[in-house]
C-alpha atoms as a PDB file:
ATOM      1  CA  UNK A   1      85.518 109.664  69.860  1.00  0.00           C
ATOM      2  CA  UNK A   2      84.501 110.148  73.530  1.00  0.00           C
ATOM      3  CA  UNK A   3      87.266 110.144  76.175  1.00  0.00           C
ATOM      4  CA  UNK A   4      87.993 106.932  78.006  1.00  0.00           C
ATOM      5  CA  UNK A   5      86.223 106.415  81.301  1.00  0.00           C
ATOM      6  CA  UNK A   6      88.455 104.853  83.949  1.00  0.00           C
ATOM      7  CA  UNK A   7      86.792 103.796  87.190  1.00  0.00           C
ATOM      8  CA  UNK A   8      88.881 103.352  90.327  1.00  0.00           C
ATOM      9  CA  UNK A   9      87.478 100.900  92.850  1.00  0.00           C
ATOM     10  CA  UNK A  10      88.675 101.452  96.405  1.00  0.00           C
ATOM     11  CA  UNK A  11      87.974  98.555  98.756  1.00  0.00           C
ATOM     12  CA  UNK A  12      88.068  98.234 102.534  1.00  0.00           C
ATOM     13  CA  UNK A  13      87.121  95.521 105.018  1.00  0.00           C
ATOM     14  CA  UNK A  14      83.883  96.982 106.332  1.00  0.00           C
ATOM     15  CA  UNK A  15      82.490  97.658 109.784  1.00  0.00           C
ATOM     16  CA  UNK A  16      79.017  97.566 111.362  1.00  0.00           C
ATOM     17  CA  UNK A  17      77.160 100.848 111.745  1.00  0.00           C
ATOM     18  CA  UNK A  18      75.198  99.824 114.854  1.00  0.00           C
ATOM     19  CA  UNK A  19      75.698  97.386 117.705  1.00  0.00           C
ATOM     20  CA  UNK A  20      72.708  95.335 116.584  1.00  0.00           C
ATOM     21  CA  UNK A  21      74.502  94.680 113.271  1.00  0.00           C
ATOM     22  CA  UNK A  22      77.523  93.015 114.884  1.00  0.00           C
ATOM     23  CA  UNK A  23      76.168  89.450 114.693  1.00  0.00           C
ATOM     24  CA  UNK A  24      75.280  89.733 110.992  1.00  0.00           C
ATOM     25  CA  UNK A  25      78.653  91.362 110.273  1.00  0.00           C
ATOM     26  CA  UNK A  26      80.502  88.628 112.174  1.00  0.00           C
ATOM     27  CA  UNK A  27      78.523  85.973 110.310  1.00  0.00           C
ATOM     28  CA  UNK A  28      79.492  87.559 106.999  1.00  0.00           C
ATOM     29  CA  UNK A  29      83.180  87.441 107.961  1.00  0.00           C
ATOM     30  CA  UNK A  30      82.763  83.743 108.784  1.00  0.00           C
ATOM     31  CA  UNK A  31      81.334  82.985 105.351  1.00  0.00           C
ATOM     32  CA  UNK A  32      77.765  82.580 106.597  1.00  0.00           C
ATOM     33  CA  UNK A  33      78.574  80.464 109.655  1.00  0.00           C
ATOM     34  CA  UNK A  34      76.852  81.905 112.733  1.00  0.00           C
ATOM     35  CA  UNK A  35      79.295  82.660 115.578  1.00  0.00           C
ATOM     36  CA  UNK A  36      78.582  81.581 119.137  1.00  0.00           C
ATOM     37  CA  UNK A  37      76.632  83.977 121.383  1.00  0.00           C
ATOM     38  CA  UNK A  38      79.772  84.389 123.523  1.00  0.00           C
ATOM     39  CA  UNK A  39      81.865  85.411 120.504  1.00  0.00           C
ATOM     40  CA  UNK A  40      79.184  87.863 119.383  1.00  0.00           C
ATOM     41  CA  UNK A  41      79.015  89.415 122.835  1.00  0.00           C
ATOM     42  CA  UNK A  42      82.806  89.758 123.014  1.00  0.00           C
ATOM     43  CA  UNK A  43      82.964  91.528 119.647  1.00  0.00           C
ATOM     44  CA  UNK A  44      79.929  93.665 120.497  1.00  0.00           C
ATOM     45  CA  UNK A  45      81.596  94.785 123.723  1.00  0.00           C
ATOM     46  CA  UNK A  46      84.697  95.843 121.823  1.00  0.00           C
ATOM     47  CA  UNK A  47      82.593  97.920 119.449  1.00  0.00           C
ATOM     48  CA  UNK A  48      80.704  99.329 122.431  1.00  0.00           C
ATOM     49  CA  UNK A  49      84.000 100.548 123.914  1.00  0.00           C
ATOM     50  CA  UNK A  50      85.308 102.203 120.733  1.00  0.00           C
ATOM     51  CA  UNK A  51      81.926 103.457 119.534  1.00  0.00           C
ATOM     52  CA  UNK A  52      79.943 102.683 116.397  1.00  0.00           C
ATOM     53  CA  UNK A  53      80.125 103.439 113.661  1.00  0.00           C
ATOM     54  CA  UNK A  54      83.913 103.477 113.632  1.00  0.00           C
ATOM     55  CA  UNK A  55      85.455 106.126 111.333  1.00  0.00           C
ATOM     56  CA  UNK A  56      86.239 103.524 108.641  1.00  0.00           C
ATOM     57  CA  UNK A  57      83.343 104.190 106.262  1.00  0.00           C
ATOM     58  CA  UNK A  58      83.409 107.967 106.659  1.00  0.00           C
ATOM     59  CA  UNK A  59      87.138 108.349 106.072  1.00  0.00           C
ATOM     60  CA  UNK A  60      87.115 105.853 103.185  1.00  0.00           C
ATOM     61  CA  UNK A  61      84.281 107.788 101.552  1.00  0.00           C
ATOM     62  CA  UNK A  62      86.167 111.046 101.998  1.00  0.00           C
ATOM     63  CA  UNK A  63      89.304 109.466 100.561  1.00  0.00           C
ATOM     64  CA  UNK A  64      87.319 108.309  97.511  1.00  0.00           C
ATOM     65  CA  UNK A  65      85.902 111.779  96.912  1.00  0.00           C
ATOM     66  CA  UNK A  66      89.282 113.461  97.281  1.00  0.00           C
ATOM     67  CA  UNK A  67      90.956 110.977  94.955  1.00  0.00           C
ATOM     68  CA  UNK A  68      88.297 111.499  92.285  1.00  0.00           C
ATOM     69  CA  UNK A  69      88.802 115.266  92.462  1.00  0.00           C
ATOM     70  CA  UNK A  70      92.591 114.885  92.288  1.00  0.00           C
ATOM     71  CA  UNK A  71      92.427 112.568  89.271  1.00  0.00           C
ATOM     72  CA  UNK A  72      90.096 114.826  87.304  1.00  0.00           C
ATOM     73  CA  UNK A  73      91.970 118.015  88.210  1.00  0.00           C
ATOM     74  CA  UNK A  74      95.010 116.698  86.328  1.00  0.00           C
ATOM     75  CA  UNK A  75      93.812 113.552  84.562  1.00  0.00           C
ATOM     76  CA  UNK A  76      96.367 110.947  83.517  1.00  0.00           C
ATOM     77  CA  UNK A  77      95.933 109.978  79.866  1.00  0.00           C
ATOM     78  CA  UNK A  78      93.148 112.573  79.333  1.00  0.00           C
ATOM     79  CA  UNK A  79      90.509 110.146  80.613  1.00  0.00           C
ATOM     80  CA  UNK A  80      87.413 110.750  82.710  1.00  0.00           C
ATOM     81  CA  UNK A  81      87.779 109.292  86.205  1.00  0.00           C
ATOM     82  CA  UNK A  82      85.230 108.127  88.730  1.00  0.00           C
ATOM     83  CA  UNK A  83      86.070 106.577  92.094  1.00  0.00           C
ATOM     84  CA  UNK A  84      83.812 104.008  93.720  1.00  0.00           C
ATOM     85  CA  UNK A  85      83.951 102.530  97.230  1.00  0.00           C
ATOM     86  CA  UNK A  86      83.072  98.969  98.221  1.00  0.00           C
ATOM     87  CA  UNK A  87      83.367  97.002 101.476  1.00  0.00           C
ATOM     88  CA  UNK A  88      84.302  93.346 101.651  1.00  0.00           C
ATOM     89  CA  UNK A  89      82.072  92.406 104.576  1.00  0.00           C
ATOM     90  CA  UNK A  90      79.503  95.189 104.952  1.00  0.00           C
ATOM     91  CA  UNK A  91      77.772  97.984 103.088  1.00  0.00           C
ATOM     92  CA  UNK A  92      78.339  99.528 100.621  1.00  0.00           C
ATOM     93  CA  UNK A  93      79.262  96.165  99.119  1.00  0.00           C
ATOM     94  CA  UNK A  94      82.032  95.638  96.585  1.00  0.00           C
ATOM     95  CA  UNK A  95      79.496  94.161  94.159  1.00  0.00           C
ATOM     96  CA  UNK A  96      77.361  97.313  94.341  1.00  0.00           C
ATOM     97  CA  UNK A  97      80.403  99.511  93.705  1.00  0.00           C
ATOM     98  CA  UNK A  98      81.432  97.440  90.658  1.00  0.00           C
ATOM     99  CA  UNK A  99      77.888  97.595  89.275  1.00  0.00           C
ATOM    100  CA  UNK A 100      77.888 101.352  89.842  1.00  0.00           C
ATOM    101  CA  UNK A 101      81.092 101.671  87.796  1.00  0.00           C
ATOM    102  CA  UNK A 102      79.639  99.562  84.979  1.00  0.00           C
ATOM    103  CA  UNK A 103      76.425 101.600  84.905  1.00  0.00           C
ATOM    104  CA  UNK A 104      78.506 104.796  84.768  1.00  0.00           C
ATOM    105  CA  UNK A 105      80.004 103.519  81.501  1.00  0.00           C
ATOM    106  CA  UNK A 106      83.524 102.640  82.634  1.00  0.00           C
ATOM    107  CA  UNK A 107      85.837 101.138  80.024  1.00  0.00           C
ATOM    108  CA  UNK A 108      88.391 100.069  82.603  1.00  0.00           C
ATOM    109  CA  UNK A 109      88.330  99.274  86.312  1.00  0.00           C
ATOM    110  CA  UNK A 110      91.408  99.746  88.509  1.00  0.00           C
ATOM    111  CA  UNK A 111      90.940  97.905  91.796  1.00  0.00           C
ATOM    112  CA  UNK A 112      92.864  99.062  94.881  1.00  0.00           C
ATOM    113  CA  UNK A 113      92.489  97.476  98.311  1.00  0.00           C
ATOM    114  CA  UNK A 114      93.034 100.026 101.078  1.00  0.00           C
ATOM    115  CA  UNK A 115      95.640  97.781 102.675  1.00  0.00           C
ATOM    116  CA  UNK A 116      99.098  97.954 101.094  1.00  0.00           C
ATOM    117  CA  UNK A 117     100.240  94.336 101.476  1.00  0.00           C
ATOM    118  CA  UNK A 118      99.173  91.254  99.536  1.00  0.00           C
ATOM    119  CA  UNK A 119      97.975  87.959 100.903  1.00  0.00           C
ATOM    120  CA  UNK A 120      95.985  85.338  99.072  1.00  0.00           C
ATOM    121  CA  UNK A 121      93.699  85.076 102.101  1.00  0.00           C
ATOM    122  CA  UNK A 122      92.957  88.779 102.396  1.00  0.00           C
ATOM    123  CA  UNK A 123      93.630  90.544  99.083  1.00  0.00           C
ATOM    124  CA  UNK A 124      92.655  87.478  97.102  1.00  0.00           C
ATOM    125  CA  UNK A 125      89.203  87.580  98.668  1.00  0.00           C
ATOM    126  CA  UNK A 126      88.638  91.123  97.412  1.00  0.00           C
ATOM    127  CA  UNK A 127      89.669  90.166  93.911  1.00  0.00           C
ATOM    128  CA  UNK A 128      87.348  87.177  93.814  1.00  0.00           C
ATOM    129  CA  UNK A 129      84.403  89.390  94.701  1.00  0.00           C
ATOM    130  CA  UNK A 130      85.271  91.874  91.939  1.00  0.00           C
ATOM    131  CA  UNK A 131      85.742  89.177  89.302  1.00  0.00           C
ATOM    132  CA  UNK A 132      82.526  87.392  90.282  1.00  0.00           C
ATOM    133  CA  UNK A 133      80.544  90.621  89.929  1.00  0.00           C
ATOM    134  CA  UNK A 134      82.072  91.393  86.530  1.00  0.00           C
ATOM    135  CA  UNK A 135      81.409  87.851  85.343  1.00  0.00           C
ATOM    136  CA  UNK A 136      77.780  88.023  86.462  1.00  0.00           C
ATOM    137  CA  UNK A 137      77.290  91.373  84.730  1.00  0.00           C
ATOM    138  CA  UNK A 138      78.965  90.189  81.498  1.00  0.00           C
ATOM    139  CA  UNK A 139      78.872  86.387  81.252  1.00  0.00           C
ATOM    140  CA  UNK A 140      80.935  86.221  78.059  1.00  0.00           C
ATOM    141  CA  UNK A 141      84.610  87.085  78.486  1.00  0.00           C
ATOM    142  CA  UNK A 142      86.159  89.798  76.381  1.00  0.00           C
ATOM    143  CA  UNK A 143      89.107  89.126  74.019  1.00  0.00           C
ATOM    144  CA  UNK A 144      91.600  90.585  76.507  1.00  0.00           C
ATOM    145  CA  UNK A 145      90.758  87.887  79.026  1.00  0.00           C
ATOM    146  CA  UNK A 146      88.938  89.983  81.626  1.00  0.00           C
ATOM    147  CA  UNK A 147      85.535  88.742  82.793  1.00  0.00           C
ATOM    148  CA  UNK A 148      83.644  91.187  80.538  1.00  0.00           C
ATOM    149  CA  UNK A 149      83.913  94.283  78.368  1.00  0.00           C
ATOM    150  CA  UNK A 150      85.128  96.266  81.383  1.00  0.00           C
ATOM    151  CA  UNK A 151      88.889  95.689  81.558  1.00  0.00           C
ATOM    152  CA  UNK A 152      90.059  94.858  85.096  1.00  0.00           C
ATOM    153  CA  UNK A 153      93.427  96.014  86.422  1.00  0.00           C
ATOM    154  CA  UNK A 154      93.706  94.766  89.995  1.00  0.00           C
ATOM    155  CA  UNK A 155      96.548  96.215  92.093  1.00  0.00           C
ATOM    156  CA  UNK A 156      97.757  93.325  94.214  1.00  0.00           C
ATOM    157  CA  UNK A 157      99.969  95.381  96.539  1.00  0.00           C
ATOM    158  CA  UNK A 158     101.416  98.853  96.976  1.00  0.00           C
ATOM    159  CA  UNK A 159     103.701  98.259  99.935  1.00  0.00           C
ATOM    160  CA  UNK A 160     106.588 100.213  98.365  1.00  0.00           C
ATOM    161  CA  UNK A 161     104.512 103.166  97.122  1.00  0.00           C
ATOM    162  CA  UNK A 162     106.660 106.238  97.650  1.00  0.00           C
ATOM    163  CA  UNK A 163     104.029 108.652  98.957  1.00  0.00           C
ATOM    164  CA  UNK A 164     102.654 106.097 101.409  1.00  0.00           C
ATOM    165  CA  UNK A 165     106.117 105.275 102.774  1.00  0.00           C
ATOM    166  CA  UNK A 166     107.014 108.939 103.152  1.00  0.00           C
ATOM    167  CA  UNK A 167     103.767 109.841 104.921  1.00  0.00           C
ATOM    168  CA  UNK A 168     104.215 107.026 107.433  1.00  0.00           C
ATOM    169  CA  UNK A 169     107.874 107.945 107.984  1.00  0.00           C
ATOM    170  CA  UNK A 170     106.937 111.580 108.586  1.00  0.00           C
ATOM    171  CA  UNK A 171     104.321 110.504 111.128  1.00  0.00           C
ATOM    172  CA  UNK A 172     106.855 108.280 112.884  1.00  0.00           C
ATOM    173  CA  UNK A 173     109.340 111.139 113.206  1.00  0.00           C
ATOM    174  CA  UNK A 174     106.654 113.514 114.452  1.00  0.00           C
ATOM    175  CA  UNK A 175     105.356 111.126 117.120  1.00  0.00           C
ATOM    176  CA  UNK A 176     108.816 110.103 118.337  1.00  0.00           C
ATOM    177  CA  UNK A 177     109.522 113.743 119.096  1.00  0.00           C
ATOM    178  CA  UNK A 178     106.583 113.766 121.549  1.00  0.00           C
ATOM    179  CA  UNK A 179     108.097 111.188 123.907  1.00  0.00           C
ATOM    180  CA  UNK A 180     109.845 112.220 127.099  1.00  0.00           C
ATOM    181  CA  UNK A 181     113.041 110.552 125.837  1.00  0.00           C
ATOM    182  CA  UNK A 182     112.751 110.276 122.028  1.00  0.00           C
ATOM    183  CA  UNK A 183     116.180 108.695 121.540  1.00  0.00           C
ATOM    184  CA  UNK A 184     115.204 105.763 123.751  1.00  0.00           C
ATOM    185  CA  UNK A 185     111.967 104.960 121.923  1.00  0.00           C
ATOM    186  CA  UNK A 186     111.560 101.600 120.163  1.00  0.00           C
ATOM    187  CA  UNK A 187     109.275 101.799 117.132  1.00  0.00           C
ATOM    188  CA  UNK A 188     107.151  98.698 116.601  1.00  0.00           C
ATOM    189  CA  UNK A 189     105.597  98.330 113.152  1.00  0.00           C
ATOM    190  CA  UNK A 190     102.433  96.226 113.127  1.00  0.00           C
ATOM    191  CA  UNK A 191      99.899  94.570 110.832  1.00  0.00           C
ATOM    192  CA  UNK A 192      96.989  92.159 111.160  1.00  0.00           C
ATOM    193  CA  UNK A 193      98.134  88.613 111.839  1.00  0.00           C
ATOM    194  CA  UNK A 194      97.110  85.761 109.539  1.00  0.00           C
ATOM    195  CA  UNK A 195      97.282  81.959 109.909  1.00  0.00           C
ATOM    196  CA  UNK A 196     100.905  80.804 109.950  1.00  0.00           C
ATOM    197  CA  UNK A 197     100.212  78.235 107.216  1.00  0.00           C
ATOM    198  CA  UNK A 198     100.476  81.008 104.606  1.00  0.00           C
ATOM    199  CA  UNK A 199     104.279  80.850 104.937  1.00  0.00           C
ATOM    200  CA  UNK A 200     104.386  77.251 103.750  1.00  0.00           C
ATOM    201  CA  UNK A 201     102.139  78.283 100.855  1.00  0.00           C
ATOM    202  CA  UNK A 202     104.680  80.877  99.693  1.00  0.00           C
ATOM    203  CA  UNK A 203     102.452  83.842 100.525  1.00  0.00           C
ATOM    204  CA  UNK A 204     104.433  87.147 100.344  1.00  0.00           C
ATOM    205  CA  UNK A 205     102.485  88.897 103.124  1.00  0.00           C
ATOM    206  CA  UNK A 206     105.119  88.775 105.874  1.00  0.00           C
ATOM    207  CA  UNK A 207     108.007  89.585 103.536  1.00  0.00           C
ATOM    208  CA  UNK A 208     106.165  92.618 102.155  1.00  0.00           C
ATOM    209  CA  UNK A 209     105.444  93.868 105.674  1.00  0.00           C
ATOM    210  CA  UNK A 210     109.081  93.525 106.688  1.00  0.00           C
ATOM    211  CA  UNK A 211     110.141  95.337 103.512  1.00  0.00           C
ATOM    212  CA  UNK A 212     107.765  98.231 104.223  1.00  0.00           C
ATOM    213  CA  UNK A 213     109.001  98.441 107.801  1.00  0.00           C
ATOM    214  CA  UNK A 214     112.618  98.511 106.650  1.00  0.00           C
ATOM    215  CA  UNK A 215     111.940 101.268 104.115  1.00  0.00           C
ATOM    216  CA  UNK A 216     110.000 103.411 106.585  1.00  0.00           C
ATOM    217  CA  UNK A 217     112.661 102.919 109.259  1.00  0.00           C
ATOM    218  CA  UNK A 218     115.314 104.044 106.796  1.00  0.00           C
ATOM    219  CA  UNK A 219     113.368 107.184 105.856  1.00  0.00           C
ATOM    220  CA  UNK A 220     112.662 108.002 109.506  1.00  0.00           C
ATOM    221  CA  UNK A 221     116.301 107.388 110.501  1.00  0.00           C
ATOM    222  CA  UNK A 222     115.346 104.781 113.100  1.00  0.00           C
ATOM    223  CA  UNK A 223     118.023 102.879 114.931  1.00  0.00           C
ATOM    224  CA  UNK A 224     115.690 100.839 117.137  1.00  0.00           C
ATOM    225  CA  UNK A 225     112.670  99.157 115.618  1.00  0.00           C
ATOM    226  CA  UNK A 226     110.840  95.859 115.531  1.00  0.00           C
ATOM    227  CA  UNK A 227     107.943  94.273 113.702  1.00  0.00           C
ATOM    228  CA  UNK A 228     105.007  92.528 115.393  1.00  0.00           C
ATOM    229  CA  UNK A 229     101.614  91.215 114.406  1.00  0.00           C
ATOM    230  CA  UNK A 230      98.351  92.159 116.083  1.00  0.00           C
ATOM    231  CA  UNK A 231      94.610  91.408 115.990  1.00  0.00           C
ATOM    232  CA  UNK A 232      94.952  87.624 115.853  1.00  0.00           C
ATOM    233  CA  UNK A 233      91.683  85.708 115.546  1.00  0.00           C
ATOM    234  CA  UNK A 234      90.937  82.610 117.602  1.00  0.00           C
ATOM    235  CA  UNK A 235      90.542  79.840 115.034  1.00  0.00           C
ATOM    236  CA  UNK A 236      92.333  76.966 116.733  1.00  0.00           C
ATOM    237  CA  UNK A 237      95.386  77.076 114.439  1.00  0.00           C
ATOM    238  CA  UNK A 238      98.759  78.843 114.817  1.00  0.00           C
ATOM    239  CA  UNK A 239      98.897  82.471 113.672  1.00  0.00           C
ATOM    240  CA  UNK A 240     101.832  84.641 112.700  1.00  0.00           C
ATOM    241  CA  UNK A 241     103.757  86.239 115.553  1.00  0.00           C
ATOM    242  CA  UNK A 242     105.187  87.730 117.612  1.00  0.00           C
ATOM    243  CA  UNK A 243     102.082  89.448 118.928  1.00  0.00           C
ATOM    244  CA  UNK A 244     102.260  93.153 119.776  1.00  0.00           C
ATOM    245  CA  UNK A 245     101.296  92.623 123.427  1.00  0.00           C
ATOM    246  CA  UNK A 246     104.039  90.013 123.813  1.00  0.00           C
ATOM    247  CA  UNK A 247     106.541  92.377 122.190  1.00  0.00           C
ATOM    248  CA  UNK A 248     105.634  95.143 124.647  1.00  0.00           C
ATOM    249  CA  UNK A 249     106.217  92.721 127.513  1.00  0.00           C
ATOM    250  CA  UNK A 250     109.540  91.657 126.004  1.00  0.00           C
ATOM    251  CA  UNK A 251     110.685  95.259 125.597  1.00  0.00           C
ATOM    252  CA  UNK A 252     109.772  96.006 129.194  1.00  0.00           C
ATOM    253  CA  UNK A 253     111.892  93.053 130.276  1.00  0.00           C
ATOM    254  CA  UNK A 254     114.804  94.499 128.315  1.00  0.00           C
ATOM    255  CA  UNK A 255     114.507  97.811 130.127  1.00  0.00           C
ATOM    256  CA  UNK A 256     112.907  99.878 127.358  1.00  0.00           C
ATOM    257  CA  UNK A 257     110.631 102.653 128.588  1.00  0.00           C
ATOM    258  CA  UNK A 258     109.032 104.019 125.393  1.00  0.00           C
ATOM    259  CA  UNK A 259     107.203 102.270 122.525  1.00  0.00           C
ATOM    260  CA  UNK A 260     105.847 103.901 119.383  1.00  0.00           C
ATOM    261  CA  UNK A 261     103.379 101.667 117.533  1.00  0.00           C
ATOM    262  CA  UNK A 262     103.242 102.303 113.779  1.00  0.00           C
ATOM    263  CA  UNK A 263     100.482 100.130 112.251  1.00  0.00           C
ATOM    264  CA  UNK A 264     101.797 100.031 108.677  1.00  0.00           C
ATOM    265  CA  UNK A 265      99.385  97.279 107.655  1.00  0.00           C
ATOM    266  CA  UNK A 266      96.394  99.558 108.143  1.00  0.00           C
ATOM    267  CA  UNK A 267      95.261 102.823 106.577  1.00  0.00           C
ATOM    268  CA  UNK A 268      92.180 103.905 108.559  1.00  0.00           C
ATOM    269  CA  UNK A 269      90.929 104.171 112.125  1.00  0.00           C
ATOM    270  CA  UNK A 270      88.787 101.107 112.875  1.00  0.00           C
ATOM    271  CA  UNK A 271      88.431  98.379 115.493  1.00  0.00           C
ATOM    272  CA  UNK A 272      91.923  96.924 115.059  1.00  0.00           C
ATOM    273  CA  UNK A 273      93.396 100.345 115.795  1.00  0.00           C
ATOM    274  CA  UNK A 274      90.945 101.808 118.290  1.00  0.00           C
ATOM    275  CA  UNK A 275      90.631  98.667 120.434  1.00  0.00           C
ATOM    276  CA  UNK A 276      93.613  96.394 119.782  1.00  0.00           C
ATOM    277  CA  UNK A 277      96.167  99.196 120.093  1.00  0.00           C
ATOM    278  CA  UNK A 278      94.507 102.107 121.867  1.00  0.00           C
ATOM    279  CA  UNK A 279      92.843  99.965 124.555  1.00  0.00           C
ATOM    280  CA  UNK A 280      94.386  96.485 124.744  1.00  0.00           C
ATOM    281  CA  UNK A 281      98.042  97.278 123.968  1.00  0.00           C
ATOM    282  CA  UNK A 282      97.909 100.504 125.959  1.00  0.00           C
ATOM    283  CA  UNK A 283      96.589  98.648 129.020  1.00  0.00           C
ATOM    284  CA  UNK A 284      99.552  96.260 128.813  1.00  0.00           C
ATOM    285  CA  UNK A 285     101.988  99.175 128.457  1.00  0.00           C
ATOM    286  CA  UNK A 286     100.438 101.028 131.406  1.00  0.00           C
ATOM    287  CA  UNK A 287     100.683  97.907 133.571  1.00  0.00           C
ATOM    288  CA  UNK A 288     104.384  97.661 132.706  1.00  0.00           C
ATOM    289  CA  UNK A 289     104.996 101.394 133.183  1.00  0.00           C
ATOM    290  CA  UNK A 290     105.914 101.874 129.511  1.00  0.00           C
ATOM    291  CA  UNK A 291     105.122 105.095 127.679  1.00  0.00           C
ATOM    292  CA  UNK A 292     103.168 104.054 124.577  1.00  0.00           C
ATOM    293  CA  UNK A 293     102.020 106.174 121.665  1.00  0.00           C
ATOM    294  CA  UNK A 294     100.963 105.313 118.126  1.00  0.00           C
ATOM    295  CA  UNK A 295     101.206 107.092 114.822  1.00  0.00           C
ATOM    296  CA  UNK A 296      97.995 108.656 113.462  1.00  0.00           C
ATOM    297  CA  UNK A 297      96.301 106.713 110.687  1.00  0.00           C
ATOM    298  CA  UNK A 298      96.412 108.236 107.217  1.00  0.00           C
ATOM    299  CA  UNK A 299      92.623 107.998 106.744  1.00  0.00           C
ATOM    300  CA  UNK A 300      91.840 110.608 104.047  1.00  0.00           C
ATOM    301  CA  UNK A 301      95.148 112.458 104.456  1.00  0.00           C
ATOM    302  CA  UNK A 302      96.039 114.541 101.366  1.00  0.00           C
ATOM    303  CA  UNK A 303      99.394 112.746 101.261  1.00  0.00           C
ATOM    304  CA  UNK A 304      97.612 109.406 100.837  1.00  0.00           C
ATOM    305  CA  UNK A 305      95.364 110.946  98.179  1.00  0.00           C
ATOM    306  CA  UNK A 306      98.389 112.035  96.175  1.00  0.00           C
ATOM    307  CA  UNK A 307     100.104 108.676  96.669  1.00  0.00           C
ATOM    308  CA  UNK A 308      97.060 106.827  95.323  1.00  0.00           C
ATOM    309  CA  UNK A 309      96.751 109.302  92.453  1.00  0.00           C
ATOM    310  CA  UNK A 310     100.364 108.515  91.536  1.00  0.00           C
ATOM    311  CA  UNK A 311      99.581 104.792  91.739  1.00  0.00           C
ATOM    312  CA  UNK A 312      96.622 105.160  89.362  1.00  0.00           C
ATOM    313  CA  UNK A 313      98.701 107.277  86.972  1.00  0.00           C
ATOM    314  CA  UNK A 314     101.400 104.607  86.997  1.00  0.00           C
ATOM    315  CA  UNK A 315      98.897 101.872  86.111  1.00  0.00           C
ATOM    316  CA  UNK A 316      97.379 103.977  83.347  1.00  0.00           C
ATOM    317  CA  UNK A 317     100.793 104.784  81.901  1.00  0.00           C
ATOM    318  CA  UNK A 318     101.893 101.129  81.949  1.00  0.00           C
ATOM    319  CA  UNK A 319      98.866 100.067  79.902  1.00  0.00           C
ATOM    320  CA  UNK A 320      99.290 103.021  77.506  1.00  0.00           C
ATOM    321  CA  UNK A 321     102.920 102.035  76.922  1.00  0.00           C
ATOM    322  CA  UNK A 322     101.973  98.416  76.168  1.00  0.00           C
ATOM    323  CA  UNK A 323      99.203  99.523  73.811  1.00  0.00           C
ATOM    324  CA  UNK A 324     101.346 101.975  71.813  1.00  0.00           C
END
């Protein structure tokens, strides 16, 4: 009997590769609705300042390759592992990555979004794309209830994953030590804001972010820390706050002179890091005479590779236990 083939699907948001792709990318984010010329120009200018392509695709691809090597070097459950990468709003598309896994002969698909925290708006959108592709490839559902003969195990969140928490905590400690007065630094954990209506809907996004921040702060021995949202979109409805820029202004008013931004809701360097923090938030800090630094993103860090390998092994073991 041939060994099982387990495919791991890593998913990220996506990012344009050239400035002339920004309008099509923005339209994709908006579900096919064309943005105004002014909105396109504003987003294009932000990409012009940080440079395109951003590192997102390259580091996600490297992470995928490293994870595949790590899984096959010491395979959980004696299976064959392949790792596939798909983007929610740009190429390579999630659908293409799922089809690639099916064509490779995968028996099981483990889906992992490269963002640790769950929200129906964000994570749910990734899952819908995966399930739609599986259903289209195999219209008749299998007995186990998945959309086809490829069994789907979708990881909804990994906000308490040990290796991820430890890597972020280590980065926080390392960056705090680089301030002029490390003991006076306030660490501000951040994540992408979402519409405030998700709270009334019982969405766990904010609670998971606060839990991650608490666990990282504990591991990094932080006495002074806060949580703020960033990267709010302009949709005409209230979004979750407080916003990072407002928090920096508040800290300045309280006499704080050093802020370390730790974007726990993100994994890779992309626009929300390179512009929203490194340009926009830094400009606010400079204007207020506050020393601002941020933790490096994990990108394809070996520590993240090992954390994700442990996550896959845990999912494989849980299914093996149920089956035995």
